[in-house]
Amino acid sequence: MKAINDVYKRNRYIEKYKINQLFSEDMSPFMELFLFKSGEFICKENEEISYVFFFVEGKAKVYITLSNGKSLLLCFYQNFTILGDVELVEKKNASTNVQAIEDVYCIGISLERARGYLLNDPKFLRTICNSLGGKLVRCSNNSSINLLYPLKNRLASYILVAGKPIDQKENRGIEFYGNLTEIAELLGTSYRHLLRTLNELTEMRVLKKKNSSYEVIDLEQLRKLAGDLYR
């Protein structure tokens, strides 16, 4: 986590997402801008967090660690959302892992200041209630996704979000790579089943195998398979 001392950039995010309208009083003097590099954790399960974060740019994956030591994907963050709302209210350690899959910017307010000001702010508490309600619905939906949707659809959704642009300027599509053992675990499947599904998508000419990665060659078909899973 790196603090970004750029007031103009910070204020641009505050204005874009109308963050100050979430509070009864002006909280901008307490707001800081942070950068999390790709692969870095915004918060880690069972560890203490020091900030309420407003996710304003980038992509991150949200997952939990099960009692058997394996991980399970819950959703992706790629739109404005609040992180640390549960921890703010319940004064507990982080309940999930949130890991950047590309550079992520967050506006942060320290929990110490947030508890002093915001837990007595009815306007912000209504925002927290809406945020927690949305997460509850999403958690329920994503539990159903892991149980009921074929791996092909879940993998398509994962690739769509986690894939990297090959050439952003020329809009040449996206490339997918990563540790397949870890990805299989996140998607709740076996390594062999993941390989079979990747081969199936290759045979469907949705993907093309490269040396150590896969290139998406039919983005429209991938989007149809992915639907709105893990959102």
C-alpha atoms as a PDB file:
ATOM      1  CA  MET A   1       0.000   0.000   0.000  1.00  0.00           C
ATOM      2  CA  LYS A   2       1.392   3.348  -1.019  1.00  0.00           C
ATOM      3  CA  ALA A   3      -0.022   6.740  -0.030  1.00  0.00           C
ATOM      4  CA  ILE A   4      -0.402   9.010  -3.073  1.00  0.00           C
ATOM      5  CA  ASN A   5       0.121  12.669  -2.228  1.00  0.00           C
ATOM      6  CA  ASP A   6      -1.828  14.021  -5.191  1.00  0.00           C
ATOM      7  CA  VAL A   7      -4.648  16.268  -3.987  1.00  0.00           C
ATOM      8  CA  TYR A   8      -5.977  16.850  -7.502  1.00  0.00           C
ATOM      9  CA  LYS A   9      -6.250  13.106  -8.205  1.00  0.00           C
ATOM     10  CA  ARG A  10      -7.806  12.463  -4.792  1.00  0.00           C
ATOM     11  CA  ASN A  11     -10.381  15.234  -5.258  1.00  0.00           C
ATOM     12  CA  ARG A  12     -11.206  13.979  -8.757  1.00  0.00           C
ATOM     13  CA  TYR A  13     -12.202  10.588  -7.315  1.00  0.00           C
ATOM     14  CA  ILE A  14     -14.148  12.227  -4.477  1.00  0.00           C
ATOM     15  CA  GLU A  15     -16.127  14.300  -6.979  1.00  0.00           C
ATOM     16  CA  LYS A  16     -16.582  11.479  -9.510  1.00  0.00           C
ATOM     17  CA  TYR A  17     -18.175   9.135  -6.967  1.00  0.00           C
ATOM     18  CA  LYS A  18     -19.738  11.895  -4.822  1.00  0.00           C
ATOM     19  CA  ILE A  19     -18.077  10.403  -1.771  1.00  0.00           C
ATOM     20  CA  ASN A  20     -18.647  13.479   0.392  1.00  0.00           C
ATOM     21  CA  GLN A  21     -22.390  13.134  -0.190  1.00  0.00           C
ATOM     22  CA  LEU A  22     -22.301   9.914   1.859  1.00  0.00           C
ATOM     23  CA  PHE A  23     -21.680  11.935   5.035  1.00  0.00           C
ATOM     24  CA  SER A  24     -23.513  14.607   7.008  1.00  0.00           C
ATOM     25  CA  GLU A  25     -20.273  16.609   7.367  1.00  0.00           C
ATOM     26  CA  ASP A  26     -17.344  17.278   5.059  1.00  0.00           C
ATOM     27  CA  MET A  27     -14.929  14.376   5.578  1.00  0.00           C
ATOM     28  CA  SER A  28     -12.470  15.291   2.835  1.00  0.00           C
ATOM     29  CA  PRO A  29      -9.812  16.542   5.307  1.00  0.00           C
ATOM     30  CA  PHE A  30      -9.631  12.962   6.627  1.00  0.00           C
ATOM     31  CA  MET A  31      -9.501  11.270   3.209  1.00  0.00           C
ATOM     32  CA  GLU A  32      -6.273   9.821   1.819  1.00  0.00           C
ATOM     33  CA  LEU A  33      -5.548   8.277  -1.589  1.00  0.00           C
ATOM     34  CA  PHE A  34      -3.811   4.898  -1.693  1.00  0.00           C
ATOM     35  CA  LEU A  35      -2.388   2.752  -4.471  1.00  0.00           C
ATOM     36  CA  PHE A  36      -2.288  -1.049  -4.280  1.00  0.00           C
ATOM     37  CA  LYS A  37      -0.116  -2.664  -6.939  1.00  0.00           C
ATOM     38  CA  SER A  38      -1.244  -5.788  -8.821  1.00  0.00           C
ATOM     39  CA  GLY A  39      -0.934  -8.827  -6.545  1.00  0.00           C
ATOM     40  CA  GLU A  40      -1.008  -6.756  -3.362  1.00  0.00           C
ATOM     41  CA  PHE A  41      -3.615  -7.379  -0.659  1.00  0.00           C
ATOM     42  CA  ILE A  42      -5.994  -4.561   0.238  1.00  0.00           C
ATOM     43  CA  CYS A  43      -7.022  -6.616   3.244  1.00  0.00           C
ATOM     44  CA  LYS A  44      -6.247 -10.139   4.440  1.00  0.00           C
ATOM     45  CA  GLU A  45      -8.584 -12.510   6.193  1.00  0.00           C
ATOM     46  CA  ASN A  46      -8.346 -12.440  10.013  1.00  0.00           C
ATOM     47  CA  GLU A  47      -5.906  -9.526   9.979  1.00  0.00           C
ATOM     48  CA  GLU A  48      -6.609  -6.120  11.455  1.00  0.00           C
ATOM     49  CA  ILE A  49      -7.410  -3.316   9.043  1.00  0.00           C
ATOM     50  CA  SER A  50      -6.781   0.342   9.738  1.00  0.00           C
ATOM     51  CA  TYR A  51      -8.978   2.058   7.161  1.00  0.00           C
ATOM     52  CA  VAL A  52     -12.425   2.174   5.683  1.00  0.00           C
ATOM     53  CA  PHE A  53     -11.687   2.104   1.947  1.00  0.00           C
ATOM     54  CA  PHE A  54     -13.723   3.432  -0.948  1.00  0.00           C
ATOM     55  CA  PHE A  55     -12.714   1.396  -4.004  1.00  0.00           C
ATOM     56  CA  VAL A  56     -12.495   3.879  -6.905  1.00  0.00           C
ATOM     57  CA  GLU A  57     -10.365   2.320  -9.675  1.00  0.00           C
ATOM     58  CA  GLY A  58      -8.934  -1.034 -10.745  1.00  0.00           C
ATOM     59  CA  LYS A  59      -9.845  -4.695 -10.283  1.00  0.00           C
ATOM     60  CA  ALA A  60      -9.584  -6.987  -7.266  1.00  0.00           C
ATOM     61  CA  LYS A  61     -10.670 -10.512  -6.425  1.00  0.00           C
ATOM     62  CA  VAL A  62     -12.450 -11.338  -3.189  1.00  0.00           C
ATOM     63  CA  TYR A  63     -12.066 -14.806  -1.695  1.00  0.00           C
ATOM     64  CA  ILE A  64     -12.170 -16.703   1.583  1.00  0.00           C
ATOM     65  CA  THR A  65     -10.009 -19.454   3.033  1.00  0.00           C
ATOM     66  CA  LEU A  66     -11.928 -22.597   3.991  1.00  0.00           C
ATOM     67  CA  SER A  67     -11.259 -24.753   7.054  1.00  0.00           C
ATOM     68  CA  ASN A  68      -9.391 -27.278   4.852  1.00  0.00           C
ATOM     69  CA  GLY A  69      -6.926 -24.568   3.815  1.00  0.00           C
ATOM     70  CA  LYS A  70      -8.311 -24.135   0.301  1.00  0.00           C
ATOM     71  CA  SER A  71      -9.569 -20.847  -1.131  1.00  0.00           C
ATOM     72  CA  LEU A  72     -12.922 -20.062  -2.714  1.00  0.00           C
ATOM     73  CA  LEU A  73     -13.675 -17.112  -4.986  1.00  0.00           C
ATOM     74  CA  LEU A  74     -16.597 -14.928  -3.882  1.00  0.00           C
ATOM     75  CA  CYS A  75     -16.637 -12.077  -6.397  1.00  0.00           C
ATOM     76  CA  PHE A  76     -14.627  -9.374  -8.140  1.00  0.00           C
ATOM     77  CA  TYR A  77     -14.491  -5.676  -7.357  1.00  0.00           C
ATOM     78  CA  GLN A  78     -14.205  -3.422 -10.382  1.00  0.00           C
ATOM     79  CA  ASN A  79     -16.751  -0.709  -9.555  1.00  0.00           C
ATOM     80  CA  PHE A  80     -17.140   1.717  -6.675  1.00  0.00           C
ATOM     81  CA  THR A  81     -17.675  -0.123  -3.397  1.00  0.00           C
ATOM     82  CA  ILE A  82     -16.947   0.211   0.315  1.00  0.00           C
ATOM     83  CA  LEU A  83     -14.393  -2.040   2.033  1.00  0.00           C
ATOM     84  CA  GLY A  84     -14.197  -2.305   5.791  1.00  0.00           C
ATOM     85  CA  ASP A  85     -17.868  -1.629   6.503  1.00  0.00           C
ATOM     86  CA  VAL A  86     -18.340  -4.873   8.452  1.00  0.00           C
ATOM     87  CA  GLU A  87     -15.109  -4.301  10.374  1.00  0.00           C
ATOM     88  CA  LEU A  88     -16.102  -0.699  11.157  1.00  0.00           C
ATOM     89  CA  VAL A  89     -19.424  -1.727  12.697  1.00  0.00           C
ATOM     90  CA  GLU A  90     -18.398  -4.967  14.417  1.00  0.00           C
ATOM     91  CA  LYS A  91     -14.814  -3.980  15.353  1.00  0.00           C
ATOM     92  CA  LYS A  92     -13.519  -7.291  13.984  1.00  0.00           C
ATOM     93  CA  ASN A  93     -10.589  -8.288  11.802  1.00  0.00           C
ATOM     94  CA  ALA A  94     -11.056  -8.612   8.040  1.00  0.00           C
ATOM     95  CA  SER A  95     -13.505 -11.374   7.088  1.00  0.00           C
ATOM     96  CA  THR A  96     -12.252 -11.884   3.505  1.00  0.00           C
ATOM     97  CA  ASN A  97      -9.148 -11.551   1.350  1.00  0.00           C
ATOM     98  CA  VAL A  98      -9.247  -8.711  -1.159  1.00  0.00           C
ATOM     99  CA  GLN A  99      -6.320  -8.885  -3.594  1.00  0.00           C
ATOM    100  CA  ALA A 100      -5.601  -6.504  -6.469  1.00  0.00           C
ATOM    101  CA  ILE A 101      -5.414  -8.165  -9.897  1.00  0.00           C
ATOM    102  CA  GLU A 102      -4.386  -4.872 -11.472  1.00  0.00           C
ATOM    103  CA  ASP A 103      -3.367  -1.561  -9.916  1.00  0.00           C
ATOM    104  CA  VAL A 104      -6.107  -0.386  -7.553  1.00  0.00           C
ATOM    105  CA  TYR A 105      -6.795   3.076  -6.134  1.00  0.00           C
ATOM    106  CA  CYS A 106      -8.766   3.533  -2.922  1.00  0.00           C
ATOM    107  CA  ILE A 107      -9.816   6.558  -0.900  1.00  0.00           C
ATOM    108  CA  GLY A 108      -9.237   5.711   2.765  1.00  0.00           C
ATOM    109  CA  ILE A 109     -10.430   7.124   6.087  1.00  0.00           C
ATOM    110  CA  SER A 110      -8.682   5.728   9.156  1.00  0.00           C
ATOM    111  CA  LEU A 111     -10.923   3.495  11.281  1.00  0.00           C
ATOM    112  CA  GLU A 112     -10.023   5.516  14.368  1.00  0.00           C
ATOM    113  CA  ARG A 113     -11.392   8.682  12.800  1.00  0.00           C
ATOM    114  CA  ALA A 114     -14.261   6.831  11.119  1.00  0.00           C
ATOM    115  CA  ARG A 115     -15.481   5.394  14.414  1.00  0.00           C
ATOM    116  CA  GLY A 116     -15.216   8.778  16.101  1.00  0.00           C
ATOM    117  CA  TYR A 117     -17.243  10.613  13.463  1.00  0.00           C
ATOM    118  CA  LEU A 118     -19.193   8.199  11.333  1.00  0.00           C
ATOM    119  CA  LEU A 119     -20.791   5.730  13.719  1.00  0.00           C
ATOM    120  CA  ASN A 120     -22.900   8.654  14.957  1.00  0.00           C
ATOM    121  CA  ASP A 121     -23.699   9.885  11.439  1.00  0.00           C
ATOM    122  CA  PRO A 122     -27.193   8.624  10.411  1.00  0.00           C
ATOM    123  CA  LYS A 123     -26.567   9.471   6.747  1.00  0.00           C
ATOM    124  CA  PHE A 124     -23.419   7.354   6.578  1.00  0.00           C
ATOM    125  CA  LEU A 125     -25.030   4.549   8.609  1.00  0.00           C
ATOM    126  CA  ARG A 126     -27.761   4.329   5.966  1.00  0.00           C
ATOM    127  CA  THR A 127     -25.002   4.009   3.349  1.00  0.00           C
ATOM    128  CA  ILE A 128     -23.404   1.219   5.399  1.00  0.00           C
ATOM    129  CA  CYS A 129     -26.761  -0.580   5.653  1.00  0.00           C
ATOM    130  CA  ASN A 130     -27.172  -0.436   1.863  1.00  0.00           C
ATOM    131  CA  SER A 131     -23.604  -1.658   1.378  1.00  0.00           C
ATOM    132  CA  LEU A 132     -24.012  -4.582   3.776  1.00  0.00           C
ATOM    133  CA  GLY A 133     -27.370  -5.516   2.254  1.00  0.00           C
ATOM    134  CA  GLY A 134     -25.864  -5.572  -1.221  1.00  0.00           C
ATOM    135  CA  LYS A 135     -22.976  -7.756  -0.038  1.00  0.00           C
ATOM    136  CA  LEU A 136     -25.393 -10.177   1.619  1.00  0.00           C
ATOM    137  CA  VAL A 137     -27.358 -10.584  -1.622  1.00  0.00           C
ATOM    138  CA  ARG A 138     -24.150 -10.955  -3.634  1.00  0.00           C
ATOM    139  CA  CYS A 139     -22.786 -13.561  -1.214  1.00  0.00           C
ATOM    140  CA  SER A 140     -26.001 -15.576  -1.507  1.00  0.00           C
ATOM    141  CA  ASN A 141     -25.953 -15.331  -5.309  1.00  0.00           C
ATOM    142  CA  ASN A 142     -22.297 -16.308  -5.557  1.00  0.00           C
ATOM    143  CA  SER A 143     -22.814 -19.326  -3.289  1.00  0.00           C
ATOM    144  CA  SER A 144     -25.432 -20.487  -5.792  1.00  0.00           C
ATOM    145  CA  ILE A 145     -23.036 -19.820  -8.680  1.00  0.00           C
ATOM    146  CA  ASN A 146     -20.386 -22.125  -7.193  1.00  0.00           C
ATOM    147  CA  LEU A 147     -22.971 -24.866  -6.736  1.00  0.00           C
ATOM    148  CA  LEU A 148     -25.115 -24.606  -9.851  1.00  0.00           C
ATOM    149  CA  TYR A 149     -23.142 -23.128 -12.752  1.00  0.00           C
ATOM    150  CA  PRO A 150     -20.820 -25.287 -14.891  1.00  0.00           C
ATOM    151  CA  LEU A 151     -17.107 -24.592 -14.626  1.00  0.00           C
ATOM    152  CA  LYS A 152     -17.105 -23.359 -18.232  1.00  0.00           C
ATOM    153  CA  ASN A 153     -19.276 -20.374 -17.272  1.00  0.00           C
ATOM    154  CA  ARG A 154     -17.408 -19.643 -14.047  1.00  0.00           C
ATOM    155  CA  LEU A 155     -14.052 -19.856 -15.812  1.00  0.00           C
ATOM    156  CA  ALA A 156     -15.274 -17.545 -18.586  1.00  0.00           C
ATOM    157  CA  SER A 157     -16.246 -14.971 -15.952  1.00  0.00           C
ATOM    158  CA  TYR A 158     -12.868 -15.301 -14.256  1.00  0.00           C
ATOM    159  CA  ILE A 159     -10.961 -14.881 -17.535  1.00  0.00           C
ATOM    160  CA  LEU A 160     -13.051 -11.874 -18.529  1.00  0.00           C
ATOM    161  CA  VAL A 161     -12.126 -10.014 -15.354  1.00  0.00           C
ATOM    162  CA  ALA A 162      -8.635 -11.355 -14.628  1.00  0.00           C
ATOM    163  CA  GLY A 163      -7.350 -11.341 -18.218  1.00  0.00           C
ATOM    164  CA  LYS A 164      -4.815  -8.683 -19.195  1.00  0.00           C
ATOM    165  CA  PRO A 165      -5.045  -6.480 -22.324  1.00  0.00           C
ATOM    166  CA  ILE A 166      -2.569  -7.630 -24.982  1.00  0.00           C
ATOM    167  CA  ASP A 167      -2.275  -4.172 -26.493  1.00  0.00           C
ATOM    168  CA  GLN A 168      -4.613  -1.548 -25.072  1.00  0.00           C
ATOM    169  CA  LYS A 169      -3.791   1.014 -27.767  1.00  0.00           C
ATOM    170  CA  GLU A 170      -4.592  -1.323 -30.641  1.00  0.00           C
ATOM    171  CA  ASN A 171      -7.460  -3.036 -28.776  1.00  0.00           C
ATOM    172  CA  ARG A 172      -6.034  -6.483 -29.587  1.00  0.00           C
ATOM    173  CA  GLY A 173      -8.030  -8.408 -26.993  1.00  0.00           C
ATOM    174  CA  ILE A 174      -6.952 -10.027 -23.757  1.00  0.00           C
ATOM    175  CA  GLU A 175      -4.528 -12.684 -22.586  1.00  0.00           C
ATOM    176  CA  PHE A 176      -5.112 -15.045 -19.664  1.00  0.00           C
ATOM    177  CA  TYR A 177      -2.372 -16.583 -17.560  1.00  0.00           C
ATOM    178  CA  GLY A 178      -1.712 -17.511 -13.953  1.00  0.00           C
ATOM    179  CA  ASN A 179      -1.116 -20.401 -11.594  1.00  0.00           C
ATOM    180  CA  LEU A 180      -3.695 -22.960 -12.739  1.00  0.00           C
ATOM    181  CA  THR A 181      -3.537 -24.858  -9.449  1.00  0.00           C
ATOM    182  CA  GLU A 182      -4.497 -21.690  -7.540  1.00  0.00           C
ATOM    183  CA  ILE A 183      -7.202 -20.800 -10.076  1.00  0.00           C
ATOM    184  CA  ALA A 184      -8.703 -24.296  -9.856  1.00  0.00           C
ATOM    185  CA  GLU A 185      -8.850 -23.933  -6.078  1.00  0.00           C
ATOM    186  CA  LEU A 186     -10.500 -20.505  -6.287  1.00  0.00           C
ATOM    187  CA  LEU A 187     -13.138 -21.855  -8.653  1.00  0.00           C
ATOM    188  CA  GLY A 188     -13.803 -24.892  -6.467  1.00  0.00           C
ATOM    189  CA  THR A 189     -12.653 -27.508  -8.959  1.00  0.00           C
ATOM    190  CA  SER A 190      -9.769 -29.882  -9.657  1.00  0.00           C
ATOM    191  CA  TYR A 191      -6.687 -29.073 -11.714  1.00  0.00           C
ATOM    192  CA  ARG A 192      -7.641 -31.786 -14.240  1.00  0.00           C
ATOM    193  CA  HIS A 193     -11.188 -30.487 -14.648  1.00  0.00           C
ATOM    194  CA  LEU A 194      -9.824 -26.970 -15.168  1.00  0.00           C
ATOM    195  CA  LEU A 195      -7.478 -28.238 -17.910  1.00  0.00           C
ATOM    196  CA  ARG A 196     -10.330 -30.114 -19.597  1.00  0.00           C
ATOM    197  CA  THR A 197     -12.440 -26.962 -19.551  1.00  0.00           C
ATOM    198  CA  LEU A 198      -9.624 -24.836 -20.954  1.00  0.00           C
ATOM    199  CA  ASN A 199      -9.228 -27.413 -23.739  1.00  0.00           C
ATOM    200  CA  GLU A 200     -12.975 -27.263 -24.380  1.00  0.00           C
ATOM    201  CA  LEU A 201     -12.867 -23.473 -24.710  1.00  0.00           C
ATOM    202  CA  THR A 202      -9.896 -23.865 -27.045  1.00  0.00           C
ATOM    203  CA  GLU A 203     -11.805 -26.352 -29.207  1.00  0.00           C
ATOM    204  CA  MET A 204     -14.743 -23.906 -29.286  1.00  0.00           C
ATOM    205  CA  ARG A 205     -12.254 -21.307 -30.598  1.00  0.00           C
ATOM    206  CA  VAL A 206     -12.959 -19.007 -27.688  1.00  0.00           C
ATOM    207  CA  LEU A 207      -9.336 -19.302 -26.530  1.00  0.00           C
ATOM    208  CA  LYS A 208      -6.039 -19.983 -28.273  1.00  0.00           C
ATOM    209  CA  LYS A 209      -3.219 -21.698 -26.388  1.00  0.00           C
ATOM    210  CA  LYS A 210       0.080 -19.852 -26.356  1.00  0.00           C
ATOM    211  CA  ASN A 211       3.337 -20.836 -24.631  1.00  0.00           C
ATOM    212  CA  SER A 212       2.297 -20.346 -21.011  1.00  0.00           C
ATOM    213  CA  SER A 213      -0.968 -18.476 -21.485  1.00  0.00           C
ATOM    214  CA  TYR A 214      -4.238 -18.351 -23.405  1.00  0.00           C
ATOM    215  CA  GLU A 215      -5.354 -15.607 -25.770  1.00  0.00           C
ATOM    216  CA  VAL A 216      -9.048 -14.766 -26.029  1.00  0.00           C
ATOM    217  CA  ILE A 217      -9.919 -14.928 -29.735  1.00  0.00           C
ATOM    218  CA  ASP A 218     -13.717 -14.717 -29.426  1.00  0.00           C
ATOM    219  CA  LEU A 219     -14.469 -12.074 -26.817  1.00  0.00           C
ATOM    220  CA  GLU A 220     -18.179 -11.947 -27.632  1.00  0.00           C
ATOM    221  CA  GLN A 221     -18.625 -15.679 -27.023  1.00  0.00           C
ATOM    222  CA  LEU A 222     -16.614 -15.417 -23.799  1.00  0.00           C
ATOM    223  CA  ARG A 223     -18.928 -12.645 -22.591  1.00  0.00           C
ATOM    224  CA  LYS A 224     -21.992 -14.753 -23.370  1.00  0.00           C
ATOM    225  CA  LEU A 225     -20.563 -17.657 -21.374  1.00  0.00           C
ATOM    226  CA  ALA A 226     -19.584 -15.402 -18.475  1.00  0.00           C
ATOM    227  CA  GLY A 227     -22.902 -13.574 -18.164  1.00  0.00           C
ATOM    228  CA  ASP A 228     -22.861 -11.550 -14.943  1.00  0.00           C
ATOM    229  CA  LEU A 229     -21.283 -14.202 -12.707  1.00  0.00           C
ATOM    230  CA  TYR A 230     -19.119 -13.110  -9.764  1.00  0.00           C
ATOM    231  CA  ARG A 231     -20.184  -9.465 -10.132  1.00  0.00           C
END
